[in-house]
Amino acid sequence: MMSSISFGISEPNAPAISEKIVASTLNAIQHLLPEYKVRQLCEEAGYVWRERILSPGVTVLHMILAALWPEESFNASWQVQWDAVVSRHPELAGQSPSRGTVSNARKRLPLAVWEKLCTYVSETAQTWGEAFAYWRGHRVVLLDGTCVSMPDEPALFQAFGVNTGCHGPGRYPLARVATLCLAGTMTVIAYALGGYRDSECALARSILGVLRKGDLLIADRHFAAAHFYWRYQSLGLEFLTRAHQRLIVSRIKRVQSYGRTDFLGWLAINKNYRKKDRHLPQHLLVRFIQASVRIRGKHQTIWLVTSLLDEKQYPRPRSSNSTAGDGESRRCLNN
């Protein structure tokens, strides 16, 4: 067990120094996640800790700083935090904890605490950003997936797996993540973490239940299939995606046309999916809208698929030369 004696400071001084560290850290972060709230969430998670210089509140603040500056090391993030302390309390100069001490402090916080923290921050941010979350009465939510690498530790390789390329297995273990976030503020609503071999679509399905009826889900082509659309609608969601790369829009039979590049049509659901789920219908009525966009600096013409069928309530933009390069909600259509 690490003790504050390793800092050359007596144990009774640990709480006082911890308070100085917290008081000298970024005010915006502390406003959202004050020290007392971190302690409260630790208690709710059943985590019992000993008073140290690196208290749970100090450790959490350090982790947030490291996340804000991912290009920097954890040690560099800690140095920024400690420099802020010394600027206000010069008597602590030269008493910064070692790398190992900071690392051990991070490892002490259990997963249950981080889950509590994530939920609290997400709910708070959603409340603060309520005014920026809606478009035409729909809360706009982005769905996307990615992979994250981790240190090359045997336990992480075993738990998450690794990619294999033409040069053999990768050097680092990889986890796959699916995330839901609000388009207006990029607030994370929910996420699902799995191994590298886990399906991104399966991870996404596991978190769709947290959404509200009437939410407008924007996703890329990985989540653009007729059986996915049916699942979204069965949950009371609206959706907008770029058309799947295998879909030939010219073959879709038009039911109603709003123009040459805007029409309603029946989208067939593959019979293999219908065999697995007898609730799936044979066809789904969706709207196809053609758009001229800029993707990675190049202008392209693409098709969008949406459940927003009413042309009067949801008219297409007058200009056909809109660009898709500004903001996350447009970026997700570029994949």
Foldseek 3Di string as FASTA:
>chain_A
DDAQVVLVDDRVCQQVLLVLLQVLDDPVVCVLPNPVNLVVLCVVLVHDDDRGNCDSVNLVSLVVQCVVVVVDDSVVSVVVSVVSSCVVVVVCPPRDDDPVVSVVSNVSDDPSSVVSVLQSSLVVVCVVCVVQQDDLRAGEKEKDKDKDWDDQDPVLCVFANFDADPVGTDRTFMKMKIWMAGQRPRRTPDMFIGHPPDDNVVRVVVPLLSDDARHEYEAEQSQAAPVSCVVCVVSNYKYKYFHHPPDDVVPFDFPADPDPFKTKGWDAHDVVVCVVPVPDDGTDIWMKGWAWEAAPNRTDITIMIIRPRDCVSPPDDPDRHDYQDPGDSSNRRND
